[in-house]
Amino acid sequence: MIRRAPAVVLALIAALAAGCGASPITSRRVERALGPTFANLVHAQLARMGLPPVAASDIKVTAACYRIDGRRSGPGDWACTLVWSGPNGATLHDKYDVSVSSDGCYTATADAAEAQLGGPIVTTTDGRAVRNLLHAFDACFDTTGIGAD
């Protein structure tokens, strides 16, 4: 039994080291996932609100994200600022709390201090109450290395 102990310890160390590679969840991947998703949701939200349409391709979004715990990568809680504009060129800033899982799926929720996007329910131009697609949304991104940083 004593002779097996070093082999078991080495096997355990090797197994643990194999799982310690760099995470595919990086700020760049989170940022590149949020921008197009947000632009598509702005497009859809305008239609729901009864406002003039704007193509998703006309909505320019830049995201800047960081891990709340100070790490550089990995699943967990992220904070993201979206700077965006439509065809009129007016620039808006919105902050999101983003929870990212190890499979690249995430939930983004507008920061509670942000009021310009409205809450979970907003009122349309004709007085209907509808879900605010920009308040909280879910999506996923590729973590396999295709399109890697």
C-alpha atoms as a PDB file:
ATOM      1  CA  MET A   1       0.000   0.000   0.000  1.00  0.00           C
ATOM      2  CA  ILE A   2       2.834   2.411   0.832  1.00  0.00           C
ATOM      3  CA  ARG A   3       4.404   1.845  -2.623  1.00  0.00           C
ATOM      4  CA  ARG A   4       1.154   2.854  -4.313  1.00  0.00           C
ATOM      5  CA  ALA A   5       0.815   6.140  -2.423  1.00  0.00           C
ATOM      6  CA  PRO A   6       3.316   8.119  -4.593  1.00  0.00           C
ATOM      7  CA  ALA A   7       1.687   6.830  -7.792  1.00  0.00           C
ATOM      8  CA  VAL A   8      -1.779   7.773  -6.556  1.00  0.00           C
ATOM      9  CA  VAL A   9      -0.588  11.237  -5.501  1.00  0.00           C
ATOM     10  CA  LEU A  10       1.096  11.792  -8.890  1.00  0.00           C
ATOM     11  CA  ALA A  11      -2.027  10.668 -10.740  1.00  0.00           C
ATOM     12  CA  LEU A  12      -4.151  13.044  -8.658  1.00  0.00           C
ATOM     13  CA  ILE A  13      -1.794  15.965  -9.316  1.00  0.00           C
ATOM     14  CA  ALA A  14      -1.796  15.229 -13.056  1.00  0.00           C
ATOM     15  CA  ALA A  15      -5.600  15.090 -13.122  1.00  0.00           C
ATOM     16  CA  LEU A  16      -5.906  18.384 -11.269  1.00  0.00           C
ATOM     17  CA  ALA A  17      -3.309  20.087 -13.487  1.00  0.00           C
ATOM     18  CA  ALA A  18      -5.151  18.995 -16.633  1.00  0.00           C
ATOM     19  CA  GLY A  19      -8.192  20.991 -15.528  1.00  0.00           C
ATOM     20  CA  CYS A  20      -6.214  24.143 -14.741  1.00  0.00           C
ATOM     21  CA  GLY A  21      -5.751  25.458 -18.269  1.00  0.00           C
ATOM     22  CA  ALA A  22      -6.735  28.927 -19.360  1.00  0.00           C
ATOM     23  CA  SER A  23     -10.466  29.526 -19.322  1.00  0.00           C
ATOM     24  CA  PRO A  24     -12.231  30.147 -22.627  1.00  0.00           C
ATOM     25  CA  ILE A  25     -14.384  32.708 -20.782  1.00  0.00           C
ATOM     26  CA  THR A  26     -12.473  35.950 -21.411  1.00  0.00           C
ATOM     27  CA  SER A  27     -13.437  39.611 -21.360  1.00  0.00           C
ATOM     28  CA  ARG A  28     -13.024  39.778 -25.119  1.00  0.00           C
ATOM     29  CA  ARG A  29     -15.425  36.885 -25.700  1.00  0.00           C
ATOM     30  CA  VAL A  30     -17.988  38.269 -23.262  1.00  0.00           C
ATOM     31  CA  GLU A  31     -17.744  41.704 -24.912  1.00  0.00           C
ATOM     32  CA  ARG A  32     -18.038  40.283 -28.430  1.00  0.00           C
ATOM     33  CA  ALA A  33     -21.115  38.292 -27.380  1.00  0.00           C
ATOM     34  CA  LEU A  34     -22.929  41.150 -25.652  1.00  0.00           C
ATOM     35  CA  GLY A  35     -22.663  43.734 -28.442  1.00  0.00           C
ATOM     36  CA  PRO A  36     -24.549  41.940 -31.242  1.00  0.00           C
ATOM     37  CA  THR A  37     -27.088  40.451 -28.830  1.00  0.00           C
ATOM     38  CA  PHE A  38     -27.845  43.882 -27.390  1.00  0.00           C
ATOM     39  CA  ALA A  39     -28.144  45.449 -30.878  1.00  0.00           C
ATOM     40  CA  ASN A  40     -30.625  42.748 -31.926  1.00  0.00           C
ATOM     41  CA  LEU A  41     -32.648  43.303 -28.760  1.00  0.00           C
ATOM     42  CA  VAL A  42     -32.758  47.090 -29.287  1.00  0.00           C
ATOM     43  CA  HIS A  43     -34.124  46.422 -32.781  1.00  0.00           C
ATOM     44  CA  ALA A  44     -36.777  44.054 -31.401  1.00  0.00           C
ATOM     45  CA  GLN A  45     -37.654  46.344 -28.473  1.00  0.00           C
ATOM     46  CA  LEU A  46     -38.291  49.318 -30.769  1.00  0.00           C
ATOM     47  CA  ALA A  47     -40.767  47.214 -32.744  1.00  0.00           C
ATOM     48  CA  ARG A  48     -42.511  46.086 -29.529  1.00  0.00           C
ATOM     49  CA  MET A  49     -42.769  49.687 -28.360  1.00  0.00           C
ATOM     50  CA  GLY A  50     -44.381  50.892 -31.592  1.00  0.00           C
ATOM     51  CA  LEU A  51     -41.411  53.167 -32.360  1.00  0.00           C
ATOM     52  CA  PRO A  52     -39.875  53.704 -35.803  1.00  0.00           C
ATOM     53  CA  PRO A  53     -37.745  50.716 -36.824  1.00  0.00           C
ATOM     54  CA  VAL A  54     -33.967  50.780 -36.758  1.00  0.00           C
ATOM     55  CA  ALA A  55     -31.997  47.925 -38.300  1.00  0.00           C
ATOM     56  CA  ALA A  56     -29.814  46.016 -35.838  1.00  0.00           C
ATOM     57  CA  SER A  57     -26.859  46.740 -38.158  1.00  0.00           C
ATOM     58  CA  ASP A  58     -27.436  50.495 -37.607  1.00  0.00           C
ATOM     59  CA  ILE A  59     -27.002  50.111 -33.856  1.00  0.00           C
ATOM     60  CA  LYS A  60     -23.344  50.410 -32.886  1.00  0.00           C
ATOM     61  CA  VAL A  61     -22.440  48.773 -29.570  1.00  0.00           C
ATOM     62  CA  THR A  62     -19.121  48.621 -27.770  1.00  0.00           C
ATOM     63  CA  ALA A  63     -18.871  46.581 -24.578  1.00  0.00           C
ATOM     64  CA  ALA A  64     -16.222  46.813 -21.864  1.00  0.00           C
ATOM     65  CA  CYS A  65     -16.336  44.004 -19.288  1.00  0.00           C
ATOM     66  CA  TYR A  66     -14.358  42.879 -16.262  1.00  0.00           C
ATOM     67  CA  ARG A  67     -14.645  40.160 -13.624  1.00  0.00           C
ATOM     68  CA  ILE A  68     -16.014  41.546 -10.372  1.00  0.00           C
ATOM     69  CA  ASP A  69     -13.612  39.421  -8.302  1.00  0.00           C
ATOM     70  CA  GLY A  70     -10.576  40.802 -10.153  1.00  0.00           C
ATOM     71  CA  ARG A  71      -9.711  37.656 -12.073  1.00  0.00           C
ATOM     72  CA  ARG A  72      -8.934  38.022 -15.761  1.00  0.00           C
ATOM     73  CA  SER A  73     -11.078  35.165 -17.049  1.00  0.00           C
ATOM     74  CA  GLY A  74     -13.444  32.373 -16.146  1.00  0.00           C
ATOM     75  CA  PRO A  75     -17.099  31.868 -15.388  1.00  0.00           C
ATOM     76  CA  GLY A  76     -18.692  33.968 -12.684  1.00  0.00           C
ATOM     77  CA  ASP A  77     -19.887  37.511 -12.156  1.00  0.00           C
ATOM     78  CA  TRP A  78     -18.863  40.216 -14.603  1.00  0.00           C
ATOM     79  CA  ALA A  79     -19.667  43.923 -14.861  1.00  0.00           C
ATOM     80  CA  CYS A  80     -20.121  45.346 -18.350  1.00  0.00           C
ATOM     81  CA  THR A  81     -20.643  48.838 -19.687  1.00  0.00           C
ATOM     82  CA  LEU A  82     -22.308  49.122 -23.083  1.00  0.00           C
ATOM     83  CA  VAL A  83     -21.726  52.284 -25.070  1.00  0.00           C
ATOM     84  CA  TRP A  84     -24.152  52.382 -27.944  1.00  0.00           C
ATOM     85  CA  SER A  85     -25.725  54.611 -30.552  1.00  0.00           C
ATOM     86  CA  GLY A  86     -28.284  54.413 -33.309  1.00  0.00           C
ATOM     87  CA  PRO A  87     -28.415  56.154 -36.681  1.00  0.00           C
ATOM     88  CA  ASN A  88     -28.949  59.565 -35.024  1.00  0.00           C
ATOM     89  CA  GLY A  89     -25.493  59.291 -33.420  1.00  0.00           C
ATOM     90  CA  ALA A  90     -26.662  59.981 -29.849  1.00  0.00           C
ATOM     91  CA  THR A  91     -24.423  57.977 -27.510  1.00  0.00           C
ATOM     92  CA  LEU A  92     -25.879  56.123 -24.542  1.00  0.00           C
ATOM     93  CA  HIS A  93     -24.137  54.244 -21.707  1.00  0.00           C
ATOM     94  CA  ASP A  94     -25.720  51.346 -19.868  1.00  0.00           C
ATOM     95  CA  LYS A  95     -24.284  49.074 -17.200  1.00  0.00           C
ATOM     96  CA  TYR A  96     -25.072  45.393 -16.829  1.00  0.00           C
ATOM     97  CA  ASP A  97     -24.376  42.747 -14.236  1.00  0.00           C
ATOM     98  CA  VAL A  98     -23.516  39.616 -16.217  1.00  0.00           C
ATOM     99  CA  SER A  99     -23.386  36.108 -14.807  1.00  0.00           C
ATOM    100  CA  VAL A 100     -21.458  33.757 -17.114  1.00  0.00           C
ATOM    101  CA  SER A 101     -21.475  29.970 -16.736  1.00  0.00           C
ATOM    102  CA  SER A 102     -18.655  27.656 -17.802  1.00  0.00           C
ATOM    103  CA  ASP A 103     -20.503  26.681 -21.009  1.00  0.00           C
ATOM    104  CA  GLY A 104     -20.524  30.302 -22.253  1.00  0.00           C
ATOM    105  CA  CYS A 105     -24.166  30.971 -21.478  1.00  0.00           C
ATOM    106  CA  TYR A 106     -24.905  34.175 -19.619  1.00  0.00           C
ATOM    107  CA  THR A 107     -27.608  36.322 -18.087  1.00  0.00           C
ATOM    108  CA  ALA A 108     -27.226  40.089 -18.358  1.00  0.00           C
ATOM    109  CA  THR A 109     -29.312  42.314 -16.079  1.00  0.00           C
ATOM    110  CA  ALA A 110     -29.374  46.095 -16.217  1.00  0.00           C
ATOM    111  CA  ASP A 111     -27.662  47.631 -13.216  1.00  0.00           C
ATOM    112  CA  ALA A 112     -30.304  48.685 -10.669  1.00  0.00           C
ATOM    113  CA  ALA A 113     -28.881  52.226 -10.645  1.00  0.00           C
ATOM    114  CA  GLU A 114     -29.490  52.555 -14.400  1.00  0.00           C
ATOM    115  CA  ALA A 115     -32.842  54.184 -15.086  1.00  0.00           C
ATOM    116  CA  GLN A 116     -32.626  55.076 -18.776  1.00  0.00           C
ATOM    117  CA  LEU A 117     -33.471  51.556 -19.977  1.00  0.00           C
ATOM    118  CA  GLY A 118     -36.482  51.267 -17.697  1.00  0.00           C
ATOM    119  CA  GLY A 119     -37.463  48.356 -15.508  1.00  0.00           C
ATOM    120  CA  PRO A 120     -38.598  44.861 -16.402  1.00  0.00           C
ATOM    121  CA  ILE A 121     -41.933  46.215 -17.734  1.00  0.00           C
ATOM    122  CA  VAL A 122     -42.283  49.307 -19.917  1.00  0.00           C
ATOM    123  CA  THR A 123     -45.259  51.084 -21.459  1.00  0.00           C
ATOM    124  CA  THR A 124     -45.640  51.248 -25.242  1.00  0.00           C
ATOM    125  CA  THR A 125     -46.698  54.326 -27.211  1.00  0.00           C
ATOM    126  CA  ASP A 126     -50.292  53.005 -27.221  1.00  0.00           C
ATOM    127  CA  GLY A 127     -50.345  52.367 -23.458  1.00  0.00           C
ATOM    128  CA  ARG A 128     -49.692  48.604 -23.377  1.00  0.00           C
ATOM    129  CA  ALA A 129     -47.369  47.158 -20.731  1.00  0.00           C
ATOM    130  CA  VAL A 130     -44.719  44.892 -22.294  1.00  0.00           C
ATOM    131  CA  ARG A 131     -41.634  43.066 -21.090  1.00  0.00           C
ATOM    132  CA  ASN A 132     -38.510  45.186 -21.498  1.00  0.00           C
ATOM    133  CA  LEU A 133     -36.152  43.027 -23.576  1.00  0.00           C
ATOM    134  CA  LEU A 134     -33.230  45.298 -22.627  1.00  0.00           C
ATOM    135  CA  HIS A 135     -33.680  44.981 -18.861  1.00  0.00           C
ATOM    136  CA  ALA A 136     -32.527  41.354 -18.622  1.00  0.00           C
ATOM    137  CA  PHE A 137     -31.586  38.848 -21.293  1.00  0.00           C
ATOM    138  CA  ASP A 138     -29.928  35.456 -21.741  1.00  0.00           C
ATOM    139  CA  ALA A 139     -27.629  34.255 -24.502  1.00  0.00           C
ATOM    140  CA  CYS A 140     -24.620  32.002 -25.116  1.00  0.00           C
ATOM    141  CA  PHE A 141     -21.291  32.229 -26.925  1.00  0.00           C
ATOM    142  CA  ASP A 142     -18.795  29.735 -28.283  1.00  0.00           C
ATOM    143  CA  THR A 143     -16.157  28.478 -25.848  1.00  0.00           C
ATOM    144  CA  THR A 144     -14.531  25.861 -28.093  1.00  0.00           C
ATOM    145  CA  GLY A 145     -11.740  28.005 -29.457  1.00  0.00           C
ATOM    146  CA  ILE A 146     -13.324  28.861 -32.796  1.00  0.00           C
ATOM    147  CA  GLY A 147     -12.915  32.595 -33.112  1.00  0.00           C
ATOM    148  CA  ALA A 148     -10.647  32.542 -30.065  1.00  0.00           C
ATOM    149  CA  ASP A 149      -8.963  35.615 -28.718  1.00  0.00           C
END
